[in-house]
Amino acid sequence: MGLEKICRTKPRGAVTPAFLSEKQTAAYLNMSVQWLRKCRANGSGPDWKKFGQAIRYPIADLENYISQSSRKFTGQNVEKADRCANTSRDWKSSSGTKVRF
């Protein structure tokens, strides 16, 4: 899916956005918003910025994250890009009970 389609930018003189929202980033990476949230909580996944209450992902950093995620074989070193996928799905909530994503 092209970036223009995700951002819904108009070709005539519109400025290309520098950041994507959570939903746009999830679509761009073909992942879920929940996966992005889990990665942020773990300190893994693509780099992000916070503007007030808004979470935004810089497009340049997303492209860098994608290039760093490339692997040639399954035993290759796992870096920051893959740590989120290797974490447990069970989390403890603030009340101490387990929550499953």
N, C-alpha and C. Protein backbone atom coordinates (compact mmCIF):
# COMPACT_ATOMS: atom_id res chain seq x y z
N MET A 1 0.85 -1.16 0.00
CA MET A 1 0.00 0.00 0.00
C MET A 1 0.90 1.23 0.00
N GLY A 2 0.64 2.17 -0.89
CA GLY A 2 1.46 3.36 -1.00
C GLY A 2 1.23 4.34 0.13
N LEU A 3 2.25 5.12 0.43
CA LEU A 3 2.18 6.10 1.49
C LEU A 3 1.10 7.15 1.20
N GLU A 4 0.95 7.53 -0.07
CA GLU A 4 -0.06 8.53 -0.43
C GLU A 4 -1.47 8.04 -0.10
N LYS A 5 -1.71 6.75 -0.31
CA LYS A 5 -3.02 6.19 -0.03
C LYS A 5 -3.29 6.14 1.47
N ILE A 6 -2.27 5.80 2.24
CA ILE A 6 -2.42 5.73 3.68
C ILE A 6 -2.67 7.12 4.26
N CYS A 7 -1.92 8.12 3.79
CA CYS A 7 -2.03 9.48 4.31
C CYS A 7 -3.17 10.25 3.68
N ARG A 8 -3.66 9.77 2.55
CA ARG A 8 -4.72 10.45 1.80
C ARG A 8 -4.33 11.87 1.45
N THR A 9 -3.08 12.04 1.01
CA THR A 9 -2.63 13.36 0.60
C THR A 9 -3.08 13.64 -0.82
N LYS A 10 -3.26 14.91 -1.12
CA LYS A 10 -3.65 15.31 -2.46
C LYS A 10 -2.40 15.72 -3.22
N PRO A 11 -2.26 15.28 -4.47
CA PRO A 11 -1.04 15.52 -5.22
C PRO A 11 -0.79 16.98 -5.59
N ARG A 12 -1.81 17.81 -5.66
CA ARG A 12 -1.59 19.18 -6.15
C ARG A 12 -1.11 20.11 -5.04
N GLY A 13 0.19 20.23 -4.90
CA GLY A 13 0.79 21.19 -3.99
C GLY A 13 0.72 20.84 -2.52
N ALA A 14 0.18 19.70 -2.17
CA ALA A 14 0.09 19.33 -0.75
C ALA A 14 1.47 18.96 -0.23
N VAL A 15 1.71 19.28 1.02
CA VAL A 15 2.97 18.93 1.66
C VAL A 15 2.90 17.49 2.11
N THR A 16 3.94 16.73 1.82
CA THR A 16 3.99 15.34 2.27
C THR A 16 4.16 15.33 3.79
N PRO A 17 3.35 14.57 4.50
CA PRO A 17 3.45 14.57 5.96
C PRO A 17 4.77 13.95 6.43
N ALA A 18 5.28 14.45 7.54
CA ALA A 18 6.52 13.93 8.11
C ALA A 18 6.23 12.84 9.14
N PHE A 19 4.99 12.78 9.62
CA PHE A 19 4.62 11.84 10.67
C PHE A 19 3.34 11.10 10.29
N LEU A 20 3.20 9.88 10.81
CA LEU A 20 1.97 9.11 10.65
C LEU A 20 1.35 8.86 12.02
N SER A 21 0.04 8.77 12.04
CA SER A 21 -0.67 8.43 13.28
C SER A 21 -0.49 6.94 13.57
N GLU A 22 -0.99 6.50 14.71
CA GLU A 22 -0.94 5.08 15.07
C GLU A 22 -1.62 4.23 14.01
N LYS A 23 -2.81 4.63 13.64
CA LYS A 23 -3.59 3.85 12.67
C LYS A 23 -2.91 3.82 11.30
N GLN A 24 -2.37 4.96 10.87
CA GLN A 24 -1.67 5.01 9.59
C GLN A 24 -0.40 4.16 9.63
N THR A 25 0.31 4.21 10.75
CA THR A 25 1.54 3.42 10.89
C THR A 25 1.24 1.93 10.87
N ALA A 26 0.18 1.53 11.56
CA ALA A 26 -0.22 0.12 11.57
C ALA A 26 -0.53 -0.34 10.15
N ALA A 27 -1.24 0.48 9.39
CA ALA A 27 -1.56 0.13 8.00
C ALA A 27 -0.29 0.09 7.15
N TYR A 28 0.60 1.03 7.35
CA TYR A 28 1.85 1.11 6.58
C TYR A 28 2.72 -0.13 6.82
N LEU A 29 2.78 -0.60 8.07
CA LEU A 29 3.58 -1.78 8.41
C LEU A 29 2.81 -3.09 8.28
N ASN A 30 1.52 -2.99 7.99
CA ASN A 30 0.65 -4.16 7.90
C ASN A 30 0.64 -4.93 9.23
N MET A 31 0.56 -4.17 10.31
CA MET A 31 0.49 -4.71 11.66
C MET A 31 -0.72 -4.09 12.34
N SER A 32 -0.99 -4.49 13.56
CA SER A 32 -2.15 -3.94 14.28
C SER A 32 -1.72 -2.76 15.16
N VAL A 33 -2.68 -1.92 15.50
CA VAL A 33 -2.44 -0.81 16.42
C VAL A 33 -2.04 -1.38 17.79
N GLN A 34 -2.65 -2.49 18.16
CA GLN A 34 -2.33 -3.13 19.44
C GLN A 34 -0.87 -3.57 19.48
N TRP A 35 -0.34 -4.06 18.37
CA TRP A 35 1.07 -4.45 18.29
C TRP A 35 1.96 -3.23 18.52
N LEU A 36 1.61 -2.10 17.90
CA LEU A 36 2.39 -0.88 18.09
C LEU A 36 2.39 -0.45 19.55
N ARG A 37 1.24 -0.53 20.20
CA ARG A 37 1.13 -0.15 21.61
C ARG A 37 1.98 -1.07 22.49
N LYS A 38 1.97 -2.35 22.19
CA LYS A 38 2.77 -3.31 22.95
C LYS A 38 4.26 -3.02 22.76
N CYS A 39 4.65 -2.70 21.55
CA CYS A 39 6.05 -2.37 21.28
C CYS A 39 6.48 -1.11 22.04
N ARG A 40 5.61 -0.10 22.08
CA ARG A 40 5.94 1.12 22.82
C ARG A 40 6.12 0.80 24.30
N ALA A 41 5.26 -0.04 24.85
CA ALA A 41 5.35 -0.41 26.27
C ALA A 41 6.63 -1.18 26.56
N ASN A 42 7.10 -1.98 25.60
CA ASN A 42 8.32 -2.78 25.76
C ASN A 42 9.59 -2.00 25.44
N GLY A 43 9.45 -0.84 24.83
CA GLY A 43 10.63 -0.09 24.41
C GLY A 43 11.23 -0.66 23.14
N SER A 44 10.41 -1.31 22.34
CA SER A 44 10.90 -1.87 21.08
C SER A 44 10.03 -1.33 19.95
N GLY A 45 10.23 -1.87 18.77
CA GLY A 45 9.44 -1.42 17.62
C GLY A 45 9.97 -0.12 17.05
N PRO A 46 9.21 0.49 16.16
CA PRO A 46 9.67 1.73 15.53
C PRO A 46 9.71 2.90 16.51
N ASP A 47 10.62 3.84 16.26
CA ASP A 47 10.72 5.04 17.09
C ASP A 47 9.46 5.88 16.91
N TRP A 48 9.08 6.59 17.97
CA TRP A 48 7.86 7.39 17.94
C TRP A 48 8.07 8.68 18.71
N LYS A 49 7.16 9.61 18.51
CA LYS A 49 7.19 10.91 19.18
C LYS A 49 5.84 11.15 19.83
N LYS A 50 5.83 11.97 20.88
CA LYS A 50 4.57 12.31 21.52
C LYS A 50 4.42 13.83 21.50
N PHE A 51 3.32 14.30 20.92
CA PHE A 51 2.99 15.71 20.87
C PHE A 51 1.71 15.90 21.66
N GLY A 52 1.80 16.36 22.89
CA GLY A 52 0.63 16.44 23.76
C GLY A 52 0.15 15.02 24.03
N GLN A 53 -1.08 14.70 23.63
CA GLN A 53 -1.63 13.35 23.79
C GLN A 53 -1.44 12.50 22.54
N ALA A 54 -0.98 13.12 21.46
CA ALA A 54 -0.88 12.42 20.17
C ALA A 54 0.44 11.66 20.03
N ILE A 55 0.34 10.40 19.63
CA ILE A 55 1.50 9.57 19.31
C ILE A 55 1.69 9.63 17.81
N ARG A 56 2.90 9.96 17.37
CA ARG A 56 3.19 10.05 15.94
C ARG A 56 4.49 9.32 15.63
N TYR A 57 4.54 8.72 14.45
CA TYR A 57 5.69 7.97 13.99
C TYR A 57 6.33 8.70 12.81
N PRO A 58 7.60 9.13 12.94
CA PRO A 58 8.28 9.79 11.82
C PRO A 58 8.45 8.82 10.65
N ILE A 59 8.09 9.25 9.46
CA ILE A 59 8.17 8.40 8.28
C ILE A 59 9.61 7.96 8.02
N ALA A 60 10.56 8.87 8.20
CA ALA A 60 11.97 8.52 7.98
C ALA A 60 12.41 7.41 8.93
N ASP A 61 11.96 7.46 10.18
CA ASP A 61 12.31 6.42 11.16
C ASP A 61 11.63 5.09 10.83
N LEU A 62 10.41 5.15 10.27
CA LEU A 62 9.73 3.91 9.86
C LEU A 62 10.49 3.22 8.74
N GLU A 63 10.97 4.00 7.78
CA GLU A 63 11.74 3.42 6.68
C GLU A 63 13.03 2.82 7.20
N ASN A 64 13.67 3.47 8.18
CA ASN A 64 14.88 2.95 8.80
C ASN A 64 14.57 1.66 9.56
N TYR A 65 13.45 1.63 10.29
CA TYR A 65 13.03 0.44 11.04
C TYR A 65 12.81 -0.74 10.09
N ILE A 66 12.18 -0.48 8.97
CA ILE A 66 11.93 -1.54 7.98
C ILE A 66 13.25 -2.08 7.44
N SER A 67 14.18 -1.20 7.12
CA SER A 67 15.46 -1.68 6.57
C SER A 67 16.26 -2.45 7.62
N GLN A 68 16.16 -2.06 8.89
CA GLN A 68 16.87 -2.78 9.96
C GLN A 68 16.22 -4.12 10.28
N SER A 69 14.98 -4.31 9.88
CA SER A 69 14.25 -5.54 10.19
C SER A 69 14.55 -6.67 9.21
N SER A 70 15.29 -6.39 8.16
CA SER A 70 15.59 -7.41 7.15
C SER A 70 16.48 -8.50 7.74
N ARG A 71 16.17 -9.75 7.40
CA ARG A 71 16.97 -10.89 7.84
C ARG A 71 17.22 -11.80 6.64
N LYS A 72 18.37 -12.44 6.63
CA LYS A 72 18.70 -13.37 5.55
C LYS A 72 18.42 -14.82 5.96
N PHE A 73 18.42 -15.09 7.27
CA PHE A 73 18.11 -16.43 7.77
C PHE A 73 17.57 -16.32 9.19
N THR A 74 16.92 -17.35 9.67
CA THR A 74 16.22 -17.29 10.95
C THR A 74 17.14 -17.17 12.15
N GLY A 75 18.37 -17.65 12.07
CA GLY A 75 19.29 -17.60 13.19
C GLY A 75 20.06 -16.32 13.31
N GLN A 76 19.80 -15.36 12.44
CA GLN A 76 20.53 -14.10 12.46
C GLN A 76 20.23 -13.34 13.75
N ASN A 77 21.18 -12.50 14.19
CA ASN A 77 21.00 -11.76 15.44
C ASN A 77 19.67 -11.02 15.46
N VAL A 78 18.99 -11.12 16.59
CA VAL A 78 17.72 -10.40 16.78
C VAL A 78 18.04 -9.07 17.43
N GLU A 79 17.65 -7.99 16.78
CA GLU A 79 17.92 -6.66 17.28
C GLU A 79 16.65 -6.04 17.83
N LYS A 80 16.69 -4.77 18.09
CA LYS A 80 15.56 -4.04 18.65
C LYS A 80 14.29 -4.24 17.83
N ALA A 81 14.40 -4.33 16.54
CA ALA A 81 13.24 -4.42 15.66
C ALA A 81 12.40 -5.66 15.93
N ASP A 82 13.02 -6.74 16.39
CA ASP A 82 12.28 -7.99 16.58
C ASP A 82 11.93 -8.29 18.03
N ARG A 83 12.39 -7.50 18.97
CA ARG A 83 12.15 -7.82 20.38
C ARG A 83 10.67 -7.85 20.72
N CYS A 84 9.90 -6.98 20.12
CA CYS A 84 8.47 -6.90 20.44
C CYS A 84 7.76 -8.21 20.09
N ALA A 85 8.13 -8.83 19.00
CA ALA A 85 7.48 -10.06 18.56
C ALA A 85 7.82 -11.23 19.48
N ASN A 86 8.92 -11.14 20.23
CA ASN A 86 9.36 -12.24 21.06
C ASN A 86 8.93 -12.14 22.51
N THR A 87 8.09 -11.17 22.85
CA THR A 87 7.67 -11.00 24.23
C THR A 87 6.42 -11.80 24.53
N SER A 88 6.17 -12.00 25.80
CA SER A 88 4.98 -12.74 26.22
C SER A 88 3.73 -11.93 25.92
N ARG A 89 2.64 -12.62 25.67
CA ARG A 89 1.38 -11.93 25.42
C ARG A 89 0.65 -11.64 26.73
N ASP A 90 1.11 -12.20 27.84
CA ASP A 90 0.47 -11.97 29.13
C ASP A 90 1.13 -10.78 29.82
N TRP A 91 0.32 -9.84 30.26
CA TRP A 91 0.81 -8.67 30.97
C TRP A 91 0.06 -8.57 32.28
N LYS A 92 0.65 -7.97 33.28
CA LYS A 92 -0.06 -7.72 34.52
C LYS A 92 -0.64 -6.31 34.47
N SER A 93 -1.90 -6.24 34.85
CA SER A 93 -2.54 -4.92 34.91
C SER A 93 -2.14 -4.25 36.22
N SER A 94 -2.58 -3.01 36.41
CA SER A 94 -2.23 -2.27 37.63
C SER A 94 -2.82 -2.95 38.88
N SER A 95 -3.88 -3.75 38.71
CA SER A 95 -4.48 -4.44 39.86
C SER A 95 -3.78 -5.77 40.15
N GLY A 96 -2.79 -6.14 39.30
CA GLY A 96 -2.05 -7.38 39.54
C GLY A 96 -2.60 -8.59 38.80
N THR A 97 -3.75 -8.44 38.16
CA THR A 97 -4.31 -9.57 37.40
C THR A 97 -3.69 -9.62 36.01
N LYS A 98 -3.63 -10.80 35.45
CA LYS A 98 -3.05 -10.94 34.12
C LYS A 98 -4.02 -10.50 33.05
N VAL A 99 -3.50 -9.78 32.09
CA VAL A 99 -4.30 -9.31 30.96
C VAL A 99 -3.68 -9.90 29.71
N ARG A 100 -4.49 -10.40 28.81
CA ARG A 100 -3.97 -10.99 27.58
C ARG A 100 -4.34 -10.09 26.41
N PHE A 101 -3.34 -9.77 25.59
CA PHE A 101 -3.56 -8.95 24.39
C PHE A 101 -3.86 -9.84 23.21
